[in-house]
Protein backbone atom coordinates (compact mmCIF):
# COMPACT_ATOMS: atom_id res chain seq x y z
CA MET A 1 16.65 -85.65 -39.83
CA THR A 2 20.06 -86.49 -40.34
CA ALA A 3 22.93 -85.35 -37.74
CA THR A 4 23.96 -82.95 -40.60
CA MET A 5 20.72 -81.41 -40.97
CA LEU A 6 20.20 -80.86 -37.36
CA ALA A 7 22.34 -77.60 -37.07
CA ASP A 8 19.89 -75.98 -39.72
CA PHE A 9 16.55 -77.92 -39.43
CA GLU A 10 13.41 -75.85 -40.03
CA LEU A 11 10.87 -75.61 -37.08
CA PRO A 12 7.47 -76.15 -38.37
CA PRO A 13 5.01 -73.29 -37.88
CA GLY A 14 2.82 -73.81 -34.56
CA ARG A 15 5.74 -75.25 -32.58
CA GLU A 16 6.75 -72.27 -30.91
CA ALA A 17 5.09 -71.73 -27.49
CA ARG A 18 3.42 -68.49 -27.60
CA GLU A 19 2.42 -68.07 -23.96
CA PRO A 20 3.06 -69.89 -20.94
CA PRO A 21 1.44 -73.05 -20.13
CA GLU A 22 -0.94 -71.40 -17.40
CA ALA A 23 -2.52 -69.61 -20.17
CA ARG A 24 -3.05 -72.28 -22.05
CA GLY A 25 -5.29 -73.99 -19.00
CA LEU A 26 -2.39 -76.22 -17.76
CA ALA A 27 -0.25 -75.75 -14.41
CA ARG A 28 3.35 -74.67 -14.63
CA ASP A 29 4.47 -78.27 -14.44
CA GLY A 30 2.25 -79.44 -17.10
CA VAL A 31 4.57 -79.54 -19.91
CA ARG A 32 5.93 -82.66 -21.63
CA LEU A 33 9.31 -84.06 -20.84
CA MET A 34 11.15 -85.94 -23.61
CA VAL A 35 13.84 -88.48 -22.27
CA SER A 36 16.84 -89.64 -24.21
CA ARG A 37 19.28 -92.43 -23.15
CA ARG A 38 22.68 -92.39 -24.99
CA GLN A 39 23.64 -95.78 -24.11
CA ALA A 40 20.59 -97.61 -25.03
CA GLY A 41 19.72 -95.19 -27.81
CA GLU A 42 16.21 -94.79 -26.57
CA ILE A 43 13.78 -91.81 -26.63
CA SER A 44 10.73 -91.85 -24.45
CA HIS A 45 7.95 -89.30 -23.85
CA HIS A 46 6.75 -88.25 -20.48
CA ALA A 47 4.96 -85.57 -18.48
CA PHE A 48 7.26 -83.34 -16.70
CA THR A 49 5.67 -84.25 -13.35
CA ASP A 50 7.40 -87.83 -14.00
CA LEU A 51 10.85 -86.27 -13.32
CA PRO A 52 11.08 -87.40 -9.82
CA GLY A 53 10.45 -91.18 -10.69
CA LEU A 54 13.18 -91.04 -13.63
CA LEU A 55 16.13 -90.06 -11.10
CA LEU A 56 17.43 -92.15 -8.75
CA PRO A 57 18.27 -91.78 -5.07
CA GLY A 58 21.95 -90.31 -4.78
CA ASP A 59 21.38 -88.39 -7.60
CA LEU A 60 22.35 -84.43 -7.48
CA LEU A 61 20.27 -81.71 -9.36
CA VAL A 62 21.93 -78.59 -9.83
CA VAL A 63 19.98 -75.69 -10.61
CA ASN A 64 20.59 -72.01 -11.27
CA THR A 65 19.40 -69.26 -8.95
CA THR A 66 19.66 -66.26 -11.23
CA ALA A 67 16.42 -64.34 -11.53
CA THR A 68 15.34 -62.59 -14.74
CA VAL A 69 15.38 -59.16 -15.13
CA PRO A 70 13.21 -56.79 -17.11
CA ALA A 71 15.79 -56.12 -19.45
CA ALA A 72 14.33 -54.44 -22.66
CA VAL A 73 13.52 -50.44 -22.72
CA THR A 74 12.69 -48.39 -25.83
CA SER A 75 14.63 -45.38 -26.84
CA ALA A 76 13.19 -42.15 -27.82
CA ALA A 77 14.18 -42.98 -31.37
CA GLY A 78 11.71 -45.92 -31.20
CA LEU A 79 14.53 -48.57 -30.88
CA SER A 80 14.34 -51.51 -28.13
CA VAL A 81 17.24 -51.72 -26.18
CA HIS A 82 18.06 -55.23 -24.51
CA PHE A 83 20.58 -55.00 -21.89
CA SER A 84 22.36 -58.48 -22.14
CA THR A 85 25.43 -58.75 -19.87
CA PRO A 86 27.45 -56.51 -17.54
CA LEU A 87 31.21 -56.09 -18.22
CA PRO A 88 34.02 -56.00 -15.67
CA ASP A 89 34.64 -52.18 -16.50
CA GLY A 90 30.82 -51.09 -15.69
CA SER A 91 29.72 -51.14 -19.37
CA TRP A 92 27.15 -53.59 -20.75
CA LEU A 93 26.60 -55.82 -23.64
CA ILE A 94 23.36 -54.53 -25.35
CA GLU A 95 21.47 -55.41 -28.26
CA LEU A 96 19.48 -52.84 -30.68
CA ARG A 97 16.50 -54.09 -32.28
CA ALA A 98 14.22 -52.13 -34.72
CA PRO A 99 10.05 -52.51 -34.43
CA GLU A 100 8.67 -54.90 -36.89
CA GLY A 101 4.93 -55.11 -36.56
CA ALA A 102 4.24 -56.30 -33.02
CA ALA A 103 7.56 -57.59 -32.51
CA THR A 104 11.37 -56.41 -33.25
CA ARG A 105 14.10 -57.37 -35.45
CA PRO A 106 17.93 -57.01 -34.83
CA TYR A 107 18.88 -53.36 -35.94
CA SER A 108 22.08 -52.90 -38.13
CA GLY A 109 22.84 -49.49 -37.48
CA GLY A 110 24.59 -47.43 -35.05
CA SER A 111 27.97 -46.14 -34.77
CA PRO A 112 30.49 -46.05 -32.04
CA GLY A 113 29.70 -42.59 -30.03
CA ASP A 114 25.96 -42.52 -30.65
CA ALA A 115 23.98 -41.74 -27.90
CA LEU A 116 20.19 -42.75 -27.22
CA THR A 117 17.80 -41.15 -25.17
CA LEU A 118 15.90 -43.59 -22.73
CA PRO A 119 13.00 -43.24 -20.47
CA ALA A 120 13.69 -40.92 -17.45
CA GLY A 121 16.30 -39.00 -19.28
CA ALA A 122 18.83 -41.72 -18.96
CA ARG A 123 21.39 -41.88 -21.92
CA LEU A 124 22.98 -44.90 -23.53
CA THR A 125 26.41 -44.27 -25.40
CA LEU A 126 27.45 -46.99 -27.94
CA ALA A 127 31.39 -47.82 -27.70
CA GLY A 128 31.82 -50.35 -30.32
CA ARG A 129 30.51 -53.74 -31.60
CA VAL A 130 31.27 -57.01 -30.02
CA THR A 131 29.70 -59.28 -32.22
CA SER A 132 27.69 -58.74 -35.28
CA ARG A 133 24.39 -57.62 -33.20
CA LEU A 134 25.70 -57.03 -29.90
CA TRP A 135 27.50 -53.62 -28.87
CA GLN A 136 29.29 -52.68 -25.70
CA ALA A 137 27.82 -49.63 -24.34
CA ARG A 138 27.53 -47.51 -21.31
CA LEU A 139 24.42 -46.22 -19.63
CA SER A 140 24.57 -42.78 -17.51
CA THR A 141 23.06 -44.47 -14.65
CA ALA A 142 23.33 -47.65 -12.58
CA VAL A 143 21.73 -50.32 -14.87
CA MET A 144 20.30 -52.65 -12.48
CA PRO A 145 18.25 -50.48 -10.57
CA TYR A 146 17.29 -48.71 -13.80
CA LEU A 147 16.06 -51.85 -15.24
CA LEU A 148 14.11 -52.99 -12.28
CA ARG A 149 12.11 -49.44 -12.55
CA HIS A 150 11.90 -48.77 -16.11
CA GLY A 151 12.44 -52.17 -18.04
CA ARG A 152 10.29 -54.86 -19.45
CA HIS A 153 10.90 -58.48 -20.06
CA ILE A 154 12.36 -59.51 -23.49
CA ARG A 155 9.88 -60.76 -25.62
CA TYR A 156 10.25 -62.36 -29.05
CA SER A 157 8.11 -62.26 -32.42
CA TYR A 158 6.91 -65.71 -31.13
CA VAL A 159 5.30 -64.53 -27.97
CA ASP A 160 2.02 -62.25 -28.84
CA ARG A 161 1.83 -60.12 -25.59
CA ASP A 162 3.89 -59.04 -22.61
CA TRP A 163 3.41 -61.21 -19.50
CA PRO A 164 4.00 -60.29 -15.79
CA SER A 165 7.34 -60.43 -14.26
CA ALA A 166 6.46 -63.87 -12.37
CA MET A 167 5.95 -65.50 -15.97
CA TYR A 168 9.74 -65.10 -16.22
CA GLN A 169 10.98 -66.45 -12.88
CA THR A 170 11.76 -69.91 -11.62
CA VAL A 171 10.86 -71.50 -8.41
CA PHE A 172 14.84 -71.26 -7.69
CA ALA A 173 15.16 -67.67 -8.60
CA ARG A 174 17.01 -65.65 -5.97
CA THR A 175 19.51 -63.24 -7.38
CA PRO A 176 18.35 -60.78 -10.54
CA GLY A 177 20.94 -60.65 -13.02
CA SER A 178 19.66 -62.61 -16.22
CA ALA A 179 18.47 -61.09 -19.31
CA GLU A 180 16.65 -64.20 -20.15
CA MET A 181 15.15 -66.85 -18.08
CA PRO A 182 16.89 -70.16 -17.47
CA ASN A 183 14.24 -71.92 -19.37
CA ALA A 184 14.84 -75.38 -18.18
CA SER A 185 13.98 -74.59 -14.47
CA ARG A 186 10.64 -73.08 -15.56
CA PRO A 187 8.60 -76.18 -15.06
CA PHE A 188 9.31 -76.67 -11.49
CA THR A 189 7.08 -76.16 -8.82
CA PRO A 190 7.52 -76.52 -4.92
CA GLN A 191 5.77 -80.14 -5.11
CA THR A 192 8.14 -81.17 -7.80
CA VAL A 193 10.98 -79.98 -5.56
CA THR A 194 9.39 -81.86 -2.71
CA ASP A 195 8.80 -85.08 -4.79
CA LEU A 196 12.43 -84.93 -5.88
CA VAL A 197 13.81 -84.87 -2.11
CA SER A 198 11.42 -87.28 -0.88
CA ARG A 199 12.75 -89.89 -3.73
CA GLY A 200 16.25 -88.90 -2.15
CA VAL A 201 17.58 -86.62 -5.15
CA ALA A 202 19.65 -83.58 -3.60
CA ILE A 203 19.18 -80.32 -5.17
CA ALA A 204 22.23 -77.74 -5.03
CA PRO A 205 22.39 -74.21 -6.24
CA LEU A 206 24.92 -72.13 -8.24
CA THR A 207 24.20 -68.90 -10.38
CA LEU A 208 25.21 -67.92 -13.83
CA HIS A 209 23.55 -64.97 -15.14
CA THR A 210 22.60 -65.48 -18.68
CA GLY A 211 22.64 -62.66 -21.76
CA VAL A 212 20.75 -62.58 -24.92
CA SER A 213 19.89 -65.62 -26.78
CA SER A 214 21.78 -66.47 -29.78
CA LEU A 215 18.12 -66.57 -31.78
CA GLU A 216 19.84 -65.44 -35.03
CA GLY A 217 22.06 -68.28 -34.78
CA ASP A 218 26.05 -68.95 -35.64
CA GLU A 219 27.26 -66.83 -32.66
CA GLU A 220 29.65 -68.33 -30.22
CA PRO A 221 28.65 -67.87 -26.51
CA TYR A 222 30.36 -64.67 -24.72
CA PRO A 223 31.55 -64.39 -21.26
CA GLU A 224 29.08 -64.48 -18.30
CA PRO A 225 29.43 -64.22 -14.63
CA TYR A 226 28.90 -67.26 -12.55
CA ASP A 227 29.45 -68.40 -9.01
CA VAL A 228 29.77 -72.10 -7.81
CA PRO A 229 29.63 -72.10 -4.23
CA PRO A 230 31.54 -74.01 -1.79
CA VAL A 231 28.49 -76.21 -0.75
CA THR A 232 27.66 -77.00 -4.37
CA ALA A 233 31.12 -77.94 -5.00
CA ARG A 234 31.21 -80.51 -2.02
CA LEU A 235 27.88 -82.04 -2.95
CA VAL A 236 29.04 -82.48 -6.79
CA ASN A 237 32.18 -84.17 -5.56
CA ALA A 238 30.70 -86.24 -3.23
CA THR A 239 27.91 -87.43 -5.51
CA ARG A 240 30.43 -88.36 -8.06
CA ARG A 241 32.52 -90.28 -5.38
CA GLU A 242 29.60 -92.19 -4.33
CA GLY A 243 28.49 -93.30 -7.69
CA GLY A 244 25.48 -90.80 -8.10
CA ARG A 245 24.76 -88.65 -11.10
CA VAL A 246 25.15 -84.96 -11.66
CA ILE A 247 22.15 -83.72 -13.29
CA ALA A 248 22.54 -80.04 -14.81
CA GLY A 249 19.10 -78.10 -14.54
CA GLY A 250 20.01 -76.24 -17.98
CA THR A 251 22.88 -75.49 -20.18
CA THR A 252 24.11 -72.64 -17.96
CA VAL A 253 24.70 -74.97 -15.04
CA VAL A 254 26.64 -77.20 -17.68
CA ARG A 255 28.45 -74.08 -18.25
CA ALA A 256 29.30 -73.08 -14.76
CA LEU A 257 30.20 -76.59 -13.41
CA GLU A 258 32.34 -77.53 -16.39
CA THR A 259 34.05 -74.28 -15.84
CA ALA A 260 34.57 -74.93 -12.08
CA ALA A 261 36.26 -78.23 -13.19
CA ARG A 262 38.83 -76.32 -15.14
CA VAL A 263 40.00 -74.10 -12.37
CA ALA A 264 43.69 -74.56 -12.23
CA GLY A 265 44.74 -77.09 -9.51
CA THR A 266 41.22 -79.01 -9.49
CA PRO A 267 41.49 -82.62 -9.62
CA ALA A 268 40.18 -84.63 -12.48
CA GLY A 269 36.43 -85.25 -12.05
CA GLN A 270 36.01 -82.82 -9.48
CA VAL A 271 34.94 -79.30 -9.33
CA THR A 272 36.33 -76.37 -7.22
CA ALA A 273 34.04 -73.60 -5.49
CA SER A 274 35.02 -70.40 -7.85
CA SER A 275 33.31 -67.54 -9.06
CA GLY A 276 34.15 -65.00 -12.12
CA TRP A 277 33.70 -64.92 -15.55
CA THR A 278 33.36 -67.87 -17.64
CA HIS A 279 34.97 -67.92 -21.17
CA HIS A 280 34.31 -71.57 -21.47
CA VAL A 281 32.26 -73.17 -24.54
CA VAL A 282 30.96 -76.71 -24.10
CA THR A 283 31.03 -78.89 -27.18
CA PRO A 284 31.76 -82.45 -28.18
CA GLU A 285 35.48 -81.63 -28.65
CA THR A 286 35.81 -79.99 -25.12
CA GLY A 287 33.79 -83.05 -23.66
CA LEU A 288 32.16 -83.08 -20.28
CA THR A 289 33.96 -83.66 -17.16
CA VAL A 290 31.59 -83.70 -14.27
CA VAL A 291 28.14 -83.37 -15.48
CA ASP A 292 26.18 -86.50 -16.43
CA SER A 293 22.74 -85.50 -17.48
CA LEU A 294 21.21 -82.57 -18.58
CA LEU A 295 17.53 -81.16 -18.42
CA THR A 296 17.06 -78.39 -21.27
CA GLY A 297 14.54 -76.72 -23.52
CA LEU A 298 14.25 -77.36 -27.05
CA HIS A 299 16.55 -75.12 -29.16
CA GLU A 300 16.31 -73.44 -32.19
CA PRO A 301 17.96 -74.04 -35.48
CA ARG A 302 21.69 -73.18 -35.79
CA SER A 303 21.73 -72.27 -31.79
CA SER A 304 25.18 -72.70 -30.41
CA HIS A 305 23.42 -74.87 -27.37
CA LEU A 306 22.87 -77.87 -30.10
CA ARG A 307 26.75 -78.27 -29.92
CA MET A 308 26.54 -78.85 -26.13
CA LEU A 309 23.57 -81.13 -26.27
CA THR A 310 25.68 -83.11 -29.19
CA ALA A 311 28.35 -83.56 -26.34
CA PHE A 312 25.65 -85.46 -24.31
CA ALA A 313 23.81 -87.45 -26.86
CA GLY A 314 26.02 -87.59 -29.92
CA PRO A 315 24.84 -86.52 -33.07
CA GLY A 316 22.80 -89.35 -34.29
CA LEU A 317 20.57 -89.72 -31.34
CA LEU A 318 20.20 -85.94 -30.92
CA ALA A 319 19.04 -85.79 -34.62
CA ARG A 320 16.42 -88.49 -33.76
CA CYS A 321 15.37 -86.47 -30.68
CA TYR A 322 14.36 -83.56 -32.52
CA ASP A 323 12.72 -85.49 -35.37
CA ALA A 324 10.72 -87.13 -32.60
CA ALA A 325 10.05 -83.71 -30.98
CA ILE A 326 8.61 -82.48 -34.26
CA GLU A 327 6.74 -85.60 -34.86
CA GLN A 328 5.14 -85.40 -31.35
CA ARG A 329 4.47 -81.87 -31.81
CA TYR A 330 6.29 -80.65 -28.56
CA LEU A 331 6.64 -77.01 -28.13
CA TRP A 332 9.71 -74.78 -28.33
CA HIS A 333 11.41 -71.66 -26.25
CA GLU A 334 10.91 -70.53 -22.96
CA PHE A 335 7.17 -71.23 -22.32
CA GLY A 336 7.68 -74.89 -24.36
CA ASP A 337 8.46 -78.39 -23.46
CA VAL A 338 11.46 -79.91 -21.94
CA HIS A 339 14.32 -82.70 -22.73
CA LEU A 340 16.20 -84.71 -20.45
CA LEU A 341 19.57 -86.13 -22.05
CA MET A 342 20.40 -89.09 -19.86
CA PRO A 343 23.83 -91.29 -19.94
């Protein structure tokens, strides 16, 4: 695979993780870990449980404490509604999907002013399109309590059945708000966390609530709410000052930290405790200010996430990584394997 082909590669059949590792007879941390090192140009293959030994005392792992909400409901007309992201005025970004066999596909219909009847008599009114598949809409009742009572977790066509809520939560989950799970943190277990801390790796929290994935590709990330607390800002700045590495536990963490590094008045190479809405998109052109390393899942073709990964690995090494992942039969998506991109 060349660097040019990476943006539009084909994922071979059978490489999508259709069920959690627990359903495949593995432990939650029983997935595989690919490691790439940019300076050396090396790729190696490990078990996820090897992660503590791959990091160094003095490193800082920053994790996302968002919890995944059951963000999908079915309208009386049979359309599936995926609630993605709250907007400051109380409306939400939502996606409409039409049934297609046992799964769904993006629904191209709808007009501003249309109202959909949802379970328990709730009404969802479409305001206008925001992207080719996302609408701004308003629900007749408070969205989060409604979803916690009536929603189910978002499931795409590669997952064969619904799974209990616990399968969509990470060990770090504290604050409900994400439409989809921050996948990179799923393999962590209390034992992994203990091993990391025993190794001298610090762990710091932040929150970024993520919306629906850009599975159809070619979409820019839209604004998402984030919160980098003071303790995390202090730990990131101390780690960088003392020569340690800042490892982001997922692309959401990269977006939040790089946003906090761009707050007005922040000294170069540091972050400022901050919260709000991030519009920042990390690309090779924007570069990286405070994050040294990234732990992430394997991303689908044409995903905007691949541009962020290129900022870490460079296009040549990243293309080789995806060649290796295909050759070594890694599994993609939220229940799949993970990739650690190192300096």
